[in-house]
Amino acid sequence: SATICDPAAPAPLPQIPIDEPTIRMIFSVSTSP
């Protein structure tokens, strides 16, 4: 997503949007009884 520019006009292109991950995991302290 970085843009290589002319030093005299450093205008970046919009960031490339990326989908959220297919799998998301949360690690936390066990709350089991």
All heavy atoms as atom14 arrays in JSON, in Angstrom:
{
  "sequence": "SATICDPAAPAPLPQIPIDEPTIRMIFSVSTSP",
  "atom14_mask": [
    [1, 1, 1, 1, 1, 1, 0, 0, 0, 0, 0, 0, 0, 0],
    [1, 1, 1, 1, 1, 0, 0, 0, 0, 0, 0, 0, 0, 0],
    [1, 1, 1, 1, 1, 1, 1, 0, 0, 0, 0, 0, 0, 0],
    [1, 1, 1, 1, 1, 1, 1, 1, 0, 0, 0, 0, 0, 0],
    [1, 1, 1, 1, 1, 1, 0, 0, 0, 0, 0, 0, 0, 0],
    [1, 1, 1, 1, 1, 1, 1, 1, 0, 0, 0, 0, 0, 0],
    [1, 1, 1, 1, 1, 1, 1, 0, 0, 0, 0, 0, 0, 0],
    [1, 1, 1, 1, 1, 0, 0, 0, 0, 0, 0, 0, 0, 0],
    [1, 1, 1, 1, 1, 0, 0, 0, 0, 0, 0, 0, 0, 0],
    [1, 1, 1, 1, 1, 1, 1, 0, 0, 0, 0, 0, 0, 0],
    [1, 1, 1, 1, 1, 0, 0, 0, 0, 0, 0, 0, 0, 0],
    [1, 1, 1, 1, 1, 1, 1, 0, 0, 0, 0, 0, 0, 0],
    [1, 1, 1, 1, 1, 1, 1, 1, 0, 0, 0, 0, 0, 0],
    [1, 1, 1, 1, 1, 1, 1, 0, 0, 0, 0, 0, 0, 0],
    [1, 1, 1, 1, 1, 1, 1, 1, 1, 0, 0, 0, 0, 0],
    [1, 1, 1, 1, 1, 1, 1, 1, 0, 0, 0, 0, 0, 0],
    [1, 1, 1, 1, 1, 1, 1, 0, 0, 0, 0, 0, 0, 0],
    [1, 1, 1, 1, 1, 1, 1, 1, 0, 0, 0, 0, 0, 0],
    [1, 1, 1, 1, 1, 1, 1, 1, 0, 0, 0, 0, 0, 0],
    [1, 1, 1, 1, 1, 1, 1, 1, 1, 0, 0, 0, 0, 0],
    [1, 1, 1, 1, 1, 1, 1, 0, 0, 0, 0, 0, 0, 0],
    [1, 1, 1, 1, 1, 1, 1, 0, 0, 0, 0, 0, 0, 0],
    [1, 1, 1, 1, 1, 1, 1, 1, 0, 0, 0, 0, 0, 0],
    [1, 1, 1, 1, 1, 1, 1, 1, 1, 1, 1, 0, 0, 0],
    [1, 1, 1, 1, 1, 1, 1, 1, 0, 0, 0, 0, 0, 0],
    [1, 1, 1, 1, 1, 1, 1, 1, 0, 0, 0, 0, 0, 0],
    [1, 1, 1, 1, 1, 1, 1, 1, 1, 1, 1, 0, 0, 0],
    [1, 1, 1, 1, 1, 1, 0, 0, 0, 0, 0, 0, 0, 0],
    [1, 1, 1, 1, 1, 1, 1, 0, 0, 0, 0, 0, 0, 0],
    [1, 1, 1, 1, 1, 1, 0, 0, 0, 0, 0, 0, 0, 0],
    [1, 1, 1, 1, 1, 1, 1, 0, 0, 0, 0, 0, 0, 0],
    [1, 1, 1, 1, 1, 1, 0, 0, 0, 0, 0, 0, 0, 0],
    [1, 1, 1, 1, 1, 1, 1, 0, 0, 0, 0, 0, 0, 0]
  ],
  "atom14_positions": [
    [[0.81, -1.23, 0.0], [0.0, 0.0, 0.0], [0.84, 1.27, 0.0], [0.3, 2.36, -0.2], [-1.0, 0.04, 1.16], [-2.17, -0.66, 0.85], [0.0, 0.0, 0.0], [0.0, 0.0, 0.0], [0.0, 0.0, 0.0], [0.0, 0.0, 0.0], [0.0, 0.0, 0.0], [0.0, 0.0, 0.0], [0.0, 0.0, 0.0], [0.0, 0.0, 0.0]],
    [[2.14, 1.15, 0.23], [2.99, 2.35, 0.19], [3.04, 2.9, -1.24], [2.92, 2.17, -2.22], [4.39, 2.01, 0.68], [0.0, 0.0, 0.0], [0.0, 0.0, 0.0], [0.0, 0.0, 0.0], [0.0, 0.0, 0.0], [0.0, 0.0, 0.0], [0.0, 0.0, 0.0], [0.0, 0.0, 0.0], [0.0, 0.0, 0.0], [0.0, 0.0, 0.0]],
    [[3.22, 4.21, -1.34], [3.31, 4.87, -2.64], [4.7, 5.45, -2.83], [5.22, 6.15, -1.97], [2.28, 6.01, -2.75], [0.97, 5.51, -2.45], [2.28, 6.59, -4.15], [0.0, 0.0, 0.0], [0.0, 0.0, 0.0], [0.0, 0.0, 0.0], [0.0, 0.0, 0.0], [0.0, 0.0, 0.0], [0.0, 0.0, 0.0], [0.0, 0.0, 0.0]],
    [[5.31, 5.1, -3.95], [6.6, 5.67, -4.33], [6.32, 6.95, -5.13], [5.62, 6.9, -6.15], [7.43, 4.68, -5.16], [7.72, 3.42, -4.33], [8.73, 5.31, -5.63], [8.39, 2.31, -5.12], [0.0, 0.0, 0.0], [0.0, 0.0, 0.0], [0.0, 0.0, 0.0], [0.0, 0.0, 0.0], [0.0, 0.0, 0.0], [0.0, 0.0, 0.0]],
    [[6.85, 8.08, -4.65], [6.49, 9.37, -5.22], [7.73, 10.17, -5.62], [8.85, 9.89, -5.2], [5.7, 10.21, -4.21], [4.2, 9.45, -3.55], [0.0, 0.0, 0.0], [0.0, 0.0, 0.0], [0.0, 0.0, 0.0], [0.0, 0.0, 0.0], [0.0, 0.0, 0.0], [0.0, 0.0, 0.0], [0.0, 0.0, 0.0], [0.0, 0.0, 0.0]],
    [[7.46, 11.19, -6.42], [8.47, 12.2, -6.72], [8.71, 13.02, -5.44], [7.76, 13.43, -4.79], [7.95, 13.1, -7.83], [9.0, 14.06, -8.36], [9.72, 14.65, -7.53], [9.1, 14.25, -9.58], [0.0, 0.0, 0.0], [0.0, 0.0, 0.0], [0.0, 0.0, 0.0], [0.0, 0.0, 0.0], [0.0, 0.0, 0.0], [0.0, 0.0, 0.0]],
    [[10.0, 13.25, -5.06], [10.26, 14.03, -3.85], [9.61, 15.41, -3.84], [9.3, 15.95, -2.78], [11.8, 14.15, -3.83], [12.28, 12.99, -4.64], [11.24, 12.78, -5.7], [0.0, 0.0, 0.0], [0.0, 0.0, 0.0], [0.0, 0.0, 0.0], [0.0, 0.0, 0.0], [0.0, 0.0, 0.0], [0.0, 0.0, 0.0], [0.0, 0.0, 0.0]],
    [[9.38, 15.98, -5.03], [8.78, 17.3, -5.1], [7.28, 17.28, -4.9], [6.67, 18.33, -4.68], [9.11, 17.94, -6.45], [0.0, 0.0, 0.0], [0.0, 0.0, 0.0], [0.0, 0.0, 0.0], [0.0, 0.0, 0.0], [0.0, 0.0, 0.0], [0.0, 0.0, 0.0], [0.0, 0.0, 0.0], [0.0, 0.0, 0.0], [0.0, 0.0, 0.0]],
    [[6.65, 16.09, -5.0], [5.2, 15.98, -4.85], [4.84, 14.67, -4.16], [4.33, 13.74, -4.79], [4.52, 16.08, -6.21], [0.0, 0.0, 0.0], [0.0, 0.0, 0.0], [0.0, 0.0, 0.0], [0.0, 0.0, 0.0], [0.0, 0.0, 0.0], [0.0, 0.0, 0.0], [0.0, 0.0, 0.0], [0.0, 0.0, 0.0], [0.0, 0.0, 0.0]],
    [[5.12, 14.57, -2.85], [4.86, 13.31, -2.13], [3.39, 13.13, -1.76], [2.98, 13.33, -0.62], [5.73, 13.46, -0.87], [5.79, 14.94, -0.64], [5.74, 15.59, -2.0], [0.0, 0.0, 0.0], [0.0, 0.0, 0.0], [0.0, 0.0, 0.0], [0.0, 0.0, 0.0], [0.0, 0.0, 0.0], [0.0, 0.0, 0.0], [0.0, 0.0, 0.0]],
    [[2.56, 12.77, -2.75], [1.12, 12.61, -2.54], [0.77, 11.12, -2.64], [0.73, 10.56, -3.74], [0.35, 13.4, -3.59], [0.0, 0.0, 0.0], [0.0, 0.0, 0.0], [0.0, 0.0, 0.0], [0.0, 0.0, 0.0], [0.0, 0.0, 0.0], [0.0, 0.0, 0.0], [0.0, 0.0, 0.0], [0.0, 0.0, 0.0], [0.0, 0.0, 0.0]],
    [[0.51, 10.44, -1.52], [0.25, 9.0, -1.56], [-1.13, 8.69, -2.13], [-2.08, 9.48, -2.0], [0.33, 8.58, -0.08], [-0.06, 9.82, 0.66], [0.48, 10.97, -0.14], [0.0, 0.0, 0.0], [0.0, 0.0, 0.0], [0.0, 0.0, 0.0], [0.0, 0.0, 0.0], [0.0, 0.0, 0.0], [0.0, 0.0, 0.0], [0.0, 0.0, 0.0]],
    [[-1.25, 7.54, -2.76], [-2.54, 7.04, -3.23], [-3.3, 6.47, -2.03], [-2.7, 6.11, -1.0], [-2.34, 5.96, -4.28], [-1.8, 6.46, -5.63], [-1.22, 5.31, -6.44], [-2.89, 7.16, -6.41], [0.0, 0.0, 0.0], [0.0, 0.0, 0.0], [0.0, 0.0, 0.0], [0.0, 0.0, 0.0], [0.0, 0.0, 0.0], [0.0, 0.0, 0.0]],
    [[-4.64, 6.37, -2.11], [-5.42, 5.82, -0.99], [-4.96, 4.41, -0.64], [-4.58, 3.63, -1.52], [-6.86, 5.83, -1.52], [-6.87, 6.86, -2.6], [-5.5, 6.82, -3.21], [0.0, 0.0, 0.0], [0.0, 0.0, 0.0], [0.0, 0.0, 0.0], [0.0, 0.0, 0.0], [0.0, 0.0, 0.0], [0.0, 0.0, 0.0], [0.0, 0.0, 0.0]],
    [[-5.01, 4.07, 0.64], [-4.63, 2.75, 1.1], [-5.53, 1.68, 0.47], [-6.72, 1.91, 0.22], [-4.75, 2.67, 2.62], [-3.73, 3.52, 3.36], [-2.37, 2.86, 3.42], [-2.2, 1.83, 4.05], [-1.4, 3.46, 2.77], [0.0, 0.0, 0.0], [0.0, 0.0, 0.0], [0.0, 0.0, 0.0], [0.0, 0.0, 0.0], [0.0, 0.0, 0.0]],
    [[-4.96, 0.52, 0.2], [-5.73, -0.59, -0.37], [-6.55, -1.24, 0.74], [-5.97, -1.74, 1.72], [-4.81, -1.64, -1.02], [-3.97, -0.99, -2.12], [-5.61, -2.81, -1.55], [-2.91, -1.9, -2.7], [0.0, 0.0, 0.0], [0.0, 0.0, 0.0], [0.0, 0.0, 0.0], [0.0, 0.0, 0.0], [0.0, 0.0, 0.0], [0.0, 0.0, 0.0]],
    [[-7.89, -1.22, 0.65], [-8.69, -1.83, 1.72], [-8.59, -3.35, 1.67], [-8.6, -3.96, 0.61], [-10.12, -1.37, 1.38], [-10.1, -1.13, -0.09], [-8.71, -0.66, -0.42], [0.0, 0.0, 0.0], [0.0, 0.0, 0.0], [0.0, 0.0, 0.0], [0.0, 0.0, 0.0], [0.0, 0.0, 0.0], [0.0, 0.0, 0.0], [0.0, 0.0, 0.0]],
    [[-8.49, -3.95, 2.84], [-8.34, -5.4, 2.95], [-9.46, -5.95, 3.83], [-9.81, -5.36, 4.86], [-6.97, -5.77, 3.56], [-5.83, -5.19, 2.71], [-6.82, -7.28, 3.69], [-5.76, -5.72, 1.31], [0.0, 0.0, 0.0], [0.0, 0.0, 0.0], [0.0, 0.0, 0.0], [0.0, 0.0, 0.0], [0.0, 0.0, 0.0], [0.0, 0.0, 0.0]],
    [[-10.04, -7.07, 3.42], [-11.07, -7.72, 4.22], [-10.55, -8.11, 5.6], [-9.35, -8.34, 5.79], [-11.57, -8.99, 3.52], [-12.65, -8.67, 2.5], [-13.1, -7.52, 2.47], [-13.0, -9.57, 1.71], [0.0, 0.0, 0.0], [0.0, 0.0, 0.0], [0.0, 0.0, 0.0], [0.0, 0.0, 0.0], [0.0, 0.0, 0.0], [0.0, 0.0, 0.0]],
    [[-11.45, -8.21, 6.55], [-11.1, -8.73, 7.86], [-10.64, -10.18, 7.74], [-11.0, -10.87, 6.79], [-12.32, -8.65, 8.8], [-12.73, -7.23, 9.15], [-11.68, -6.49, 9.94], [-11.05, -7.13, 10.81], [-11.45, -5.3, 9.68], [0.0, 0.0, 0.0], [0.0, 0.0, 0.0], [0.0, 0.0, 0.0], [0.0, 0.0, 0.0], [0.0, 0.0, 0.0]],
    [[-9.83, -10.69, 8.7], [-9.37, -12.08, 8.63], [-10.52, -13.07, 8.58], [-11.6, -12.82, 9.11], [-8.57, -12.24, 9.92], [-8.19, -10.85, 10.32], [-9.3, -9.97, 9.84], [0.0, 0.0, 0.0], [0.0, 0.0, 0.0], [0.0, 0.0, 0.0], [0.0, 0.0, 0.0], [0.0, 0.0, 0.0], [0.0, 0.0, 0.0], [0.0, 0.0, 0.0]],
    [[-10.28, -14.2, 7.91], [-11.31, -15.24, 7.82], [-11.63, -15.81, 9.2], [-12.77, -16.1, 9.52], [-10.81, -16.37, 6.89], [-10.46, -15.81, 5.62], [-11.88, -17.42, 6.71], [0.0, 0.0, 0.0], [0.0, 0.0, 0.0], [0.0, 0.0, 0.0], [0.0, 0.0, 0.0], [0.0, 0.0, 0.0], [0.0, 0.0, 0.0], [0.0, 0.0, 0.0]],
    [[-10.61, -15.97, 10.04], [-10.78, -16.51, 11.39], [-10.21, -15.51, 12.39], [-9.11, -15.0, 12.2], [-10.07, -17.87, 11.56], [-10.67, -18.89, 10.6], [-10.18, -18.37, 12.99], [-9.96, -20.23, 10.63], [0.0, 0.0, 0.0], [0.0, 0.0, 0.0], [0.0, 0.0, 0.0], [0.0, 0.0, 0.0], [0.0, 0.0, 0.0], [0.0, 0.0, 0.0]],
    [[-10.95, -15.23, 13.44], [-10.47, -14.36, 14.5], [-10.52, -15.12, 15.82], [-11.54, -15.75, 16.14], [-11.31, -13.09, 14.58], [-10.91, -12.17, 15.74], [-11.75, -10.91, 15.76], [-11.48, -10.07, 14.59], [-12.14, -8.95, 14.35], [-13.1, -8.55, 15.15], [-11.84, -8.24, 13.29], [0.0, 0.0, 0.0], [0.0, 0.0, 0.0], [0.0, 0.0, 0.0]],
    [[-9.44, -15.06, 16.6], [-9.36, -15.78, 17.87], [-9.06, -14.8, 18.99], [-8.3, -13.84, 18.81], [-8.27, -16.85, 17.82], [-8.47, -17.88, 16.73], [-7.19, -19.14, 16.69], [-7.53, -20.01, 18.21], [0.0, 0.0, 0.0], [0.0, 0.0, 0.0], [0.0, 0.0, 0.0], [0.0, 0.0, 0.0], [0.0, 0.0, 0.0], [0.0, 0.0, 0.0]],
    [[-9.7, -15.02, 20.15], [-9.46, -14.2, 21.33], [-8.87, -15.09, 22.42], [-9.46, -16.12, 22.78], [-10.77, -13.55, 21.82], [-11.34, -12.62, 20.74], [-10.52, -12.78, 23.12], [-12.68, -12.01, 21.11], [0.0, 0.0, 0.0], [0.0, 0.0, 0.0], [0.0, 0.0, 0.0], [0.0, 0.0, 0.0], [0.0, 0.0, 0.0], [0.0, 0.0, 0.0]],
    [[-7.7, -14.71, 22.95], [-7.05, -15.45, 24.03], [-7.24, -14.68, 25.33], [-6.91, -13.48, 25.4], [-5.56, -15.63, 23.74], [-5.28, -16.48, 22.52], [-5.19, -15.91, 21.27], [-5.13, -17.85, 22.64], [-4.94, -16.67, 20.15], [-4.87, -18.63, 21.52], [-4.78, -18.04, 20.28], [0.0, 0.0, 0.0], [0.0, 0.0, 0.0], [0.0, 0.0, 0.0]],
    [[-7.79, -15.34, 26.36], [-8.04, -14.66, 27.63], [-7.87, -15.64, 28.78], [-7.72, -16.85, 28.58], [-9.46, -14.07, 27.64], [-10.43, -15.09, 27.51], [0.0, 0.0, 0.0], [0.0, 0.0, 0.0], [0.0, 0.0, 0.0], [0.0, 0.0, 0.0], [0.0, 0.0, 0.0], [0.0, 0.0, 0.0], [0.0, 0.0, 0.0], [0.0, 0.0, 0.0]],
    [[-7.93, -15.11, 29.98], [-7.83, -15.95, 31.17], [-9.06, -16.84, 31.27], [-10.19, -16.4, 31.0], [-7.7, -15.06, 32.43], [-7.7, -15.92, 33.7], [-6.44, -14.22, 32.34], [0.0, 0.0, 0.0], [0.0, 0.0, 0.0], [0.0, 0.0, 0.0], [0.0, 0.0, 0.0], [0.0, 0.0, 0.0], [0.0, 0.0, 0.0], [0.0, 0.0, 0.0]],
    [[-8.85, -18.09, 31.63], [-9.97, -19.03, 31.74], [-10.94, -18.6, 32.81], [-10.56, -18.22, 33.93], [-9.44, -20.44, 32.04], [-10.52, -21.32, 32.26], [0.0, 0.0, 0.0], [0.0, 0.0, 0.0], [0.0, 0.0, 0.0], [0.0, 0.0, 0.0], [0.0, 0.0, 0.0], [0.0, 0.0, 0.0], [0.0, 0.0, 0.0], [0.0, 0.0, 0.0]],
    [[-12.24, -18.64, 32.47], [-13.3, -18.32, 33.44], [-14.1, -19.58, 33.8], [-15.2, -19.48, 34.34], [-14.25, -17.26, 32.85], [-14.79, -17.75, 31.61], [-13.51, -15.94, 32.6], [0.0, 0.0, 0.0], [0.0, 0.0, 0.0], [0.0, 0.0, 0.0], [0.0, 0.0, 0.0], [0.0, 0.0, 0.0], [0.0, 0.0, 0.0], [0.0, 0.0, 0.0]],
    [[-13.53, -20.75, 33.53], [-14.21, -22.0, 33.83], [-14.38, -22.17, 35.34], [-13.52, -21.78, 36.12], [-13.4, -23.17, 33.27], [-13.87, -24.41, 33.8], [0.0, 0.0, 0.0], [0.0, 0.0, 0.0], [0.0, 0.0, 0.0], [0.0, 0.0, 0.0], [0.0, 0.0, 0.0], [0.0, 0.0, 0.0], [0.0, 0.0, 0.0], [0.0, 0.0, 0.0]],
    [[-15.54, -22.73, 35.78], [-15.72, -22.97, 37.24], [-14.72, -23.96, 37.81], [-14.5, -24.02, 39.02], [-17.15, -23.52, 37.32], [-17.45, -24.03, 35.95], [-16.71, -23.13, 35.02], [0.0, 0.0, 0.0], [0.0, 0.0, 0.0], [0.0, 0.0, 0.0], [0.0, 0.0, 0.0], [0.0, 0.0, 0.0], [0.0, 0.0, 0.0], [0.0, 0.0, 0.0]]
  ]
}
